[in-house]
N, C-alpha and C. Protein backbone atom coordinates (compact mmCIF):
# COMPACT_ATOMS: atom_id res chain seq x y z
N MET A 1 -15.44 -17.79 -131.38
CA MET A 1 -16.78 -18.35 -131.47
C MET A 1 -16.78 -19.82 -131.05
N ALA A 2 -15.77 -20.58 -131.51
CA ALA A 2 -15.66 -21.99 -131.15
C ALA A 2 -15.43 -22.14 -129.66
N ASP A 3 -14.64 -21.22 -129.07
CA ASP A 3 -14.36 -21.25 -127.64
C ASP A 3 -15.66 -21.02 -126.85
N THR A 4 -16.48 -20.08 -127.29
CA THR A 4 -17.75 -19.79 -126.63
C THR A 4 -18.69 -20.99 -126.74
N THR A 5 -18.70 -21.63 -127.88
CA THR A 5 -19.54 -22.81 -128.07
C THR A 5 -19.11 -23.94 -127.14
N GLN A 6 -17.80 -24.14 -127.01
CA GLN A 6 -17.30 -25.18 -126.11
C GLN A 6 -17.65 -24.87 -124.66
N GLN A 7 -17.55 -23.60 -124.27
CA GLN A 7 -17.91 -23.21 -122.90
C GLN A 7 -19.40 -23.45 -122.66
N ALA A 8 -20.21 -23.05 -123.62
CA ALA A 8 -21.66 -23.24 -123.49
C ALA A 8 -22.00 -24.72 -123.41
N THR A 9 -21.31 -25.52 -124.22
CA THR A 9 -21.54 -26.96 -124.19
C THR A 9 -21.15 -27.54 -122.84
N GLY A 10 -20.02 -27.09 -122.31
CA GLY A 10 -19.56 -27.56 -121.00
C GLY A 10 -20.53 -27.19 -119.89
N VAL A 11 -21.04 -25.95 -119.92
CA VAL A 11 -22.01 -25.50 -118.92
C VAL A 11 -23.30 -26.31 -119.06
N ALA A 12 -23.75 -26.49 -120.29
CA ALA A 12 -24.99 -27.24 -120.52
C ALA A 12 -24.85 -28.68 -120.02
N ARG A 13 -23.69 -29.27 -120.26
CA ARG A 13 -23.45 -30.65 -119.81
C ARG A 13 -23.47 -30.71 -118.28
N ALA A 14 -22.81 -29.75 -117.63
CA ALA A 14 -22.77 -29.72 -116.16
C ALA A 14 -24.17 -29.53 -115.58
N VAL A 15 -24.93 -28.62 -116.17
CA VAL A 15 -26.30 -28.38 -115.71
C VAL A 15 -27.15 -29.63 -115.93
N GLY A 16 -26.99 -30.25 -117.10
CA GLY A 16 -27.75 -31.47 -117.40
C GLY A 16 -27.44 -32.59 -116.43
N GLU A 17 -26.17 -32.75 -116.08
CA GLU A 17 -25.79 -33.79 -115.12
C GLU A 17 -26.37 -33.50 -113.74
N ALA A 18 -26.30 -32.24 -113.33
CA ALA A 18 -26.84 -31.86 -112.01
C ALA A 18 -28.35 -32.09 -111.97
N ILE A 19 -29.02 -31.66 -113.02
CA ILE A 19 -30.48 -31.83 -113.07
C ILE A 19 -30.82 -33.32 -113.14
N GLY A 20 -30.05 -34.07 -113.93
CA GLY A 20 -30.30 -35.50 -114.03
C GLY A 20 -30.17 -36.21 -112.70
N LYS A 21 -29.13 -35.85 -111.93
CA LYS A 21 -28.94 -36.46 -110.62
C LYS A 21 -30.08 -36.09 -109.68
N LYS A 22 -30.48 -34.82 -109.70
CA LYS A 22 -31.57 -34.37 -108.83
C LYS A 22 -32.88 -35.06 -109.23
N ALA A 23 -33.12 -35.15 -110.54
CA ALA A 23 -34.34 -35.81 -111.01
C ALA A 23 -34.34 -37.28 -110.60
N GLU A 24 -33.18 -37.91 -110.65
CA GLU A 24 -33.08 -39.30 -110.24
C GLU A 24 -33.37 -39.45 -108.74
N GLU A 25 -32.86 -38.52 -107.93
CA GLU A 25 -33.13 -38.54 -106.50
C GLU A 25 -34.62 -38.39 -106.22
N VAL A 26 -35.24 -37.44 -106.91
CA VAL A 26 -36.68 -37.20 -106.74
C VAL A 26 -37.46 -38.44 -107.17
N ALA A 27 -37.07 -39.02 -108.30
CA ALA A 27 -37.75 -40.22 -108.78
C ALA A 27 -37.60 -41.37 -107.79
N ASP A 28 -36.41 -41.52 -107.21
CA ASP A 28 -36.20 -42.58 -106.22
C ASP A 28 -37.07 -42.38 -104.99
N ARG A 29 -37.14 -41.13 -104.50
CA ARG A 29 -38.00 -40.85 -103.33
C ARG A 29 -39.46 -41.11 -103.68
N SER A 30 -39.88 -40.67 -104.86
CA SER A 30 -41.26 -40.89 -105.28
C SER A 30 -41.55 -42.37 -105.44
N GLN A 31 -40.57 -43.09 -105.97
CA GLN A 31 -40.72 -44.52 -106.17
C GLN A 31 -40.91 -45.22 -104.82
N GLN A 32 -40.10 -44.85 -103.83
CA GLN A 32 -40.23 -45.47 -102.50
C GLN A 32 -41.57 -45.11 -101.85
N ALA A 33 -41.98 -43.85 -102.00
CA ALA A 33 -43.27 -43.45 -101.45
C ALA A 33 -44.40 -44.20 -102.15
N GLY A 34 -44.27 -44.37 -103.46
CA GLY A 34 -45.26 -45.13 -104.21
C GLY A 34 -45.30 -46.58 -103.77
N ALA A 35 -44.13 -47.15 -103.52
CA ALA A 35 -44.07 -48.54 -103.05
C ALA A 35 -44.78 -48.69 -101.71
N GLU A 36 -44.58 -47.72 -100.83
CA GLU A 36 -45.26 -47.77 -99.53
C GLU A 36 -46.77 -47.63 -99.69
N ALA A 37 -47.20 -46.74 -100.60
CA ALA A 37 -48.64 -46.56 -100.85
C ALA A 37 -49.24 -47.84 -101.43
N VAL A 38 -48.54 -48.46 -102.37
CA VAL A 38 -49.03 -49.70 -102.97
C VAL A 38 -49.07 -50.81 -101.92
N SER A 39 -48.06 -50.86 -101.08
CA SER A 39 -48.04 -51.84 -100.01
C SER A 39 -49.25 -51.66 -99.09
N GLY A 40 -49.58 -50.40 -98.83
CA GLY A 40 -50.77 -50.11 -98.02
C GLY A 40 -52.04 -50.62 -98.69
N LEU A 41 -52.10 -50.51 -100.02
CA LEU A 41 -53.27 -51.03 -100.74
C LEU A 41 -53.33 -52.55 -100.62
N GLY A 42 -52.18 -53.19 -100.64
CA GLY A 42 -52.16 -54.64 -100.45
C GLY A 42 -52.69 -55.03 -99.08
N ARG A 43 -52.27 -54.28 -98.06
CA ARG A 43 -52.79 -54.54 -96.70
C ARG A 43 -54.28 -54.27 -96.64
N THR A 44 -54.72 -53.22 -97.32
CA THR A 44 -56.16 -52.89 -97.35
C THR A 44 -56.94 -54.00 -98.02
N ALA A 45 -56.41 -54.53 -99.11
CA ALA A 45 -57.09 -55.64 -99.79
C ALA A 45 -57.22 -56.83 -98.85
N GLY A 46 -56.17 -57.11 -98.08
CA GLY A 46 -56.24 -58.20 -97.11
C GLY A 46 -57.31 -57.95 -96.05
N ALA A 47 -57.40 -56.71 -95.59
CA ALA A 47 -58.40 -56.36 -94.58
C ALA A 47 -59.81 -56.47 -95.16
N ILE A 48 -59.97 -56.03 -96.40
CA ILE A 48 -61.28 -56.15 -97.06
C ILE A 48 -61.65 -57.61 -97.20
N ALA A 49 -60.69 -58.43 -97.62
CA ALA A 49 -60.94 -59.86 -97.76
C ALA A 49 -61.37 -60.47 -96.43
N ASP A 50 -60.70 -60.09 -95.36
CA ASP A 50 -61.06 -60.60 -94.04
C ASP A 50 -62.46 -60.16 -93.65
N SER A 51 -62.84 -58.92 -94.01
CA SER A 51 -64.14 -58.42 -93.59
C SER A 51 -65.30 -59.05 -94.35
N VAL A 52 -65.05 -59.52 -95.58
CA VAL A 52 -66.15 -60.13 -96.35
C VAL A 52 -66.07 -61.65 -96.39
N ALA A 53 -65.07 -62.23 -95.73
CA ALA A 53 -64.86 -63.69 -95.78
C ALA A 53 -66.06 -64.47 -95.27
N GLY A 54 -66.70 -64.01 -94.23
CA GLY A 54 -67.84 -64.73 -93.68
C GLY A 54 -69.04 -64.71 -94.61
N GLU A 55 -69.25 -63.62 -95.30
CA GLU A 55 -70.41 -63.48 -96.18
C GLU A 55 -70.15 -64.02 -97.58
N SER A 56 -68.95 -63.81 -98.09
CA SER A 56 -68.62 -64.20 -99.47
C SER A 56 -67.20 -64.76 -99.54
N PRO A 57 -67.02 -66.02 -99.19
CA PRO A 57 -65.67 -66.58 -99.18
C PRO A 57 -64.98 -66.53 -100.55
N ALA A 58 -65.74 -66.71 -101.63
CA ALA A 58 -65.13 -66.70 -102.97
C ALA A 58 -64.60 -65.30 -103.30
N ILE A 59 -65.37 -64.29 -102.98
CA ILE A 59 -64.93 -62.91 -103.22
C ILE A 59 -63.73 -62.60 -102.34
N ALA A 60 -63.77 -63.07 -101.10
CA ALA A 60 -62.66 -62.84 -100.18
C ALA A 60 -61.37 -63.43 -100.73
N GLU A 61 -61.43 -64.64 -101.28
CA GLU A 61 -60.23 -65.27 -101.84
C GLU A 61 -59.73 -64.51 -103.06
N TYR A 62 -60.65 -64.02 -103.88
CA TYR A 62 -60.26 -63.25 -105.06
C TYR A 62 -59.56 -61.96 -104.62
N VAL A 63 -60.14 -61.27 -103.64
CA VAL A 63 -59.55 -60.01 -103.15
C VAL A 63 -58.21 -60.29 -102.47
N ARG A 64 -58.13 -61.39 -101.72
CA ARG A 64 -56.87 -61.75 -101.06
C ARG A 64 -55.78 -62.02 -102.10
N GLY A 65 -56.14 -62.73 -103.16
CA GLY A 65 -55.19 -63.00 -104.24
C GLY A 65 -54.73 -61.70 -104.90
N ALA A 66 -55.67 -60.79 -105.11
CA ALA A 66 -55.31 -59.49 -105.68
C ALA A 66 -54.38 -58.74 -104.73
N GLY A 67 -54.64 -58.84 -103.44
CA GLY A 67 -53.78 -58.19 -102.45
C GLY A 67 -52.36 -58.74 -102.48
N GLN A 68 -52.24 -60.04 -102.68
CA GLN A 68 -50.90 -60.65 -102.77
C GLN A 68 -50.17 -60.15 -104.02
N LYS A 69 -50.89 -60.01 -105.12
CA LYS A 69 -50.27 -59.47 -106.34
C LYS A 69 -49.86 -58.02 -106.14
N ILE A 70 -50.68 -57.29 -105.41
CA ILE A 70 -50.34 -55.90 -105.11
C ILE A 70 -49.08 -55.84 -104.26
N ASP A 71 -48.95 -56.76 -103.31
CA ASP A 71 -47.73 -56.82 -102.49
C ASP A 71 -46.50 -57.09 -103.35
N ARG A 72 -46.64 -57.99 -104.33
CA ARG A 72 -45.52 -58.27 -105.23
C ARG A 72 -45.18 -57.02 -106.05
N LEU A 73 -46.20 -56.27 -106.44
CA LEU A 73 -45.97 -55.02 -107.17
C LEU A 73 -45.19 -54.05 -106.29
N ALA A 74 -45.55 -53.95 -105.02
CA ALA A 74 -44.83 -53.06 -104.10
C ALA A 74 -43.36 -53.47 -103.99
N ASP A 75 -43.11 -54.78 -103.94
CA ASP A 75 -41.73 -55.26 -103.89
C ASP A 75 -40.98 -54.87 -105.17
N ASP A 76 -41.65 -55.02 -106.31
CA ASP A 76 -41.03 -54.63 -107.59
C ASP A 76 -40.72 -53.14 -107.60
N LEU A 77 -41.64 -52.34 -107.07
CA LEU A 77 -41.42 -50.90 -107.03
C LEU A 77 -40.18 -50.56 -106.21
N ARG A 78 -39.95 -51.29 -105.15
CA ARG A 78 -38.79 -51.03 -104.30
C ARG A 78 -37.48 -51.44 -104.99
N GLU A 79 -37.54 -52.50 -105.80
CA GLU A 79 -36.33 -53.11 -106.32
C GLU A 79 -35.93 -52.68 -107.73
N LYS A 80 -36.88 -52.27 -108.56
CA LYS A 80 -36.57 -51.97 -109.96
C LYS A 80 -36.37 -50.48 -110.20
N LYS A 81 -35.76 -50.18 -111.33
CA LYS A 81 -35.59 -48.79 -111.74
C LYS A 81 -36.88 -48.29 -112.39
N VAL A 82 -37.06 -46.97 -112.38
CA VAL A 82 -38.29 -46.36 -112.88
C VAL A 82 -38.54 -46.73 -114.34
N GLY A 83 -37.53 -46.66 -115.18
CA GLY A 83 -37.70 -47.00 -116.60
C GLY A 83 -38.15 -48.43 -116.80
N ASP A 84 -37.57 -49.34 -116.02
CA ASP A 84 -37.97 -50.75 -116.11
C ASP A 84 -39.42 -50.93 -115.69
N LEU A 85 -39.83 -50.20 -114.66
CA LEU A 85 -41.21 -50.29 -114.18
C LEU A 85 -42.20 -49.81 -115.23
N LEU A 86 -41.86 -48.69 -115.88
CA LEU A 86 -42.76 -48.16 -116.91
C LEU A 86 -42.89 -49.12 -118.08
N THR A 87 -41.78 -49.71 -118.48
CA THR A 87 -41.81 -50.69 -119.57
C THR A 87 -42.66 -51.90 -119.18
N SER A 88 -42.46 -52.39 -117.97
CA SER A 88 -43.23 -53.54 -117.50
C SER A 88 -44.72 -53.23 -117.42
N ALA A 89 -45.05 -52.05 -116.94
CA ALA A 89 -46.46 -51.67 -116.82
C ALA A 89 -47.12 -51.57 -118.19
N ALA A 90 -46.41 -50.98 -119.15
CA ALA A 90 -46.97 -50.86 -120.50
C ALA A 90 -47.18 -52.24 -121.13
N GLU A 91 -46.21 -53.14 -120.96
CA GLU A 91 -46.34 -54.48 -121.50
C GLU A 91 -47.48 -55.24 -120.83
N PHE A 92 -47.59 -55.09 -119.51
CA PHE A 92 -48.67 -55.77 -118.79
C PHE A 92 -50.03 -55.25 -119.23
N GLY A 93 -50.15 -53.94 -119.38
CA GLY A 93 -51.42 -53.35 -119.82
C GLY A 93 -51.84 -53.83 -121.20
N ARG A 94 -50.87 -54.01 -122.08
CA ARG A 94 -51.18 -54.50 -123.42
C ARG A 94 -51.56 -55.99 -123.40
N SER A 95 -50.89 -56.76 -122.55
CA SER A 95 -51.13 -58.20 -122.54
C SER A 95 -52.32 -58.60 -121.66
N GLN A 96 -52.62 -57.83 -120.63
CA GLN A 96 -53.68 -58.18 -119.68
C GLN A 96 -54.59 -56.98 -119.39
N PRO A 97 -55.30 -56.45 -120.39
CA PRO A 97 -56.11 -55.25 -120.13
C PRO A 97 -57.24 -55.50 -119.13
N VAL A 98 -57.81 -56.69 -119.12
CA VAL A 98 -58.91 -56.97 -118.20
C VAL A 98 -58.41 -56.98 -116.76
N VAL A 99 -57.25 -57.59 -116.54
CA VAL A 99 -56.67 -57.63 -115.19
C VAL A 99 -56.32 -56.22 -114.74
N LEU A 100 -55.80 -55.42 -115.67
CA LEU A 100 -55.47 -54.04 -115.34
C LEU A 100 -56.71 -53.26 -114.93
N LEU A 101 -57.80 -53.44 -115.65
CA LEU A 101 -59.06 -52.76 -115.30
C LEU A 101 -59.61 -53.28 -113.97
N ALA A 102 -59.51 -54.58 -113.75
CA ALA A 102 -59.97 -55.15 -112.48
C ALA A 102 -59.15 -54.60 -111.32
N GLY A 103 -57.84 -54.47 -111.53
CA GLY A 103 -56.98 -53.89 -110.49
C GLY A 103 -57.36 -52.46 -110.20
N ALA A 104 -57.65 -51.70 -111.25
CA ALA A 104 -58.07 -50.31 -111.06
C ALA A 104 -59.38 -50.25 -110.29
N ALA A 105 -60.30 -51.17 -110.59
CA ALA A 105 -61.57 -51.21 -109.87
C ALA A 105 -61.34 -51.55 -108.40
N LEU A 106 -60.43 -52.49 -108.13
CA LEU A 106 -60.11 -52.86 -106.75
C LEU A 106 -59.51 -51.68 -105.99
N VAL A 107 -58.61 -50.98 -106.64
CA VAL A 107 -58.00 -49.81 -106.00
C VAL A 107 -59.07 -48.76 -105.70
N GLY A 108 -59.97 -48.54 -106.66
CA GLY A 108 -61.07 -47.58 -106.44
C GLY A 108 -61.96 -48.00 -105.28
N PHE A 109 -62.27 -49.30 -105.22
CA PHE A 109 -63.09 -49.81 -104.12
C PHE A 109 -62.39 -49.62 -102.79
N ALA A 110 -61.10 -49.95 -102.76
CA ALA A 110 -60.33 -49.82 -101.52
C ALA A 110 -60.26 -48.36 -101.08
N LEU A 111 -60.01 -47.46 -102.03
CA LEU A 111 -59.95 -46.04 -101.68
C LEU A 111 -61.30 -45.53 -101.18
N SER A 112 -62.39 -45.98 -101.80
CA SER A 112 -63.71 -45.54 -101.33
C SER A 112 -63.98 -46.04 -99.92
N ARG A 113 -63.53 -47.26 -99.61
CA ARG A 113 -63.70 -47.78 -98.24
C ARG A 113 -62.88 -46.98 -97.24
N LEU A 114 -61.64 -46.63 -97.64
CA LEU A 114 -60.79 -45.83 -96.76
C LEU A 114 -61.39 -44.46 -96.51
N ILE A 115 -61.88 -43.84 -97.55
CA ILE A 115 -62.48 -42.51 -97.41
C ILE A 115 -63.73 -42.59 -96.56
N LYS A 116 -64.55 -43.60 -96.82
CA LYS A 116 -65.78 -43.79 -96.04
C LYS A 116 -65.46 -44.01 -94.56
N ALA A 117 -64.44 -44.84 -94.30
CA ALA A 117 -64.05 -45.10 -92.92
C ALA A 117 -63.49 -43.84 -92.27
N GLY A 118 -62.75 -43.05 -93.03
CA GLY A 118 -62.19 -41.81 -92.49
C GLY A 118 -63.27 -40.80 -92.16
N VAL A 119 -64.29 -40.71 -93.00
CA VAL A 119 -65.39 -39.78 -92.75
C VAL A 119 -66.20 -40.25 -91.55
N ALA A 120 -66.43 -41.56 -91.45
CA ALA A 120 -67.20 -42.10 -90.33
C ALA A 120 -66.47 -41.93 -89.01
N ALA A 121 -65.13 -41.91 -89.06
CA ALA A 121 -64.34 -41.83 -87.84
C ALA A 121 -63.95 -40.40 -87.47
N THR A 122 -64.49 -39.40 -88.18
CA THR A 122 -64.15 -38.02 -87.88
C THR A 122 -64.64 -37.69 -86.48
N PRO A 123 -63.72 -37.32 -85.56
CA PRO A 123 -64.13 -37.04 -84.18
C PRO A 123 -64.95 -35.76 -84.09
N GLY A 124 -65.89 -35.77 -83.19
CA GLY A 124 -66.68 -34.56 -82.95
C GLY A 124 -67.82 -34.38 -83.92
N THR A 125 -68.03 -35.32 -84.85
CA THR A 125 -69.12 -35.21 -85.77
C THR A 125 -70.22 -36.15 -85.33
N PRO A 126 -71.37 -35.63 -84.94
CA PRO A 126 -72.46 -36.51 -84.52
C PRO A 126 -72.87 -37.41 -85.68
N GLU A 127 -73.25 -38.64 -85.34
CA GLU A 127 -73.62 -39.61 -86.36
C GLU A 127 -74.81 -39.08 -87.16
N GLY A 128 -74.72 -39.24 -88.48
CA GLY A 128 -75.80 -38.78 -89.33
C GLY A 128 -75.68 -37.36 -89.78
N GLN A 129 -74.71 -36.61 -89.27
CA GLN A 129 -74.51 -35.22 -89.68
C GLN A 129 -73.20 -35.09 -90.42
N GLU A 130 -73.16 -34.17 -91.38
CA GLU A 130 -71.94 -33.94 -92.13
C GLU A 130 -71.02 -32.99 -91.38
N ASP A 131 -69.73 -33.17 -91.59
CA ASP A 131 -68.73 -32.26 -91.06
C ASP A 131 -68.60 -31.11 -92.05
N VAL A 132 -68.94 -29.89 -91.66
CA VAL A 132 -68.95 -28.74 -92.58
C VAL A 132 -67.73 -27.86 -92.42
N SER A 133 -66.71 -28.33 -91.73
CA SER A 133 -65.51 -27.50 -91.56
C SER A 133 -64.66 -27.49 -92.77
């Protein structure tokens, strides 16, 4: 019975290590993809700031500053481990809830602009008509 328990423990440990390594690989790939997506949001914020600079310079500077912070977040995503990132995010959310909500609003605004631009740029769709495909 003790021999069977030791074998089961050994198999469980081997499976756990294999799964742990695979999960770490998946997390690393997801982390890098997330960093690239966040970096894209930073570039989008910069583009939005440039597009509204003539009409609203103060808003443009605010959005540009947010874009720079987003770029720093992308750098952190590339450089830190997943556990460290989650801890940092939780601490930041507790200490700066308003900034976190403002960032979420900015991301939502940026995504809506991207979606709107993508719909407007759909080839073969006459202006003013919806694409029903």
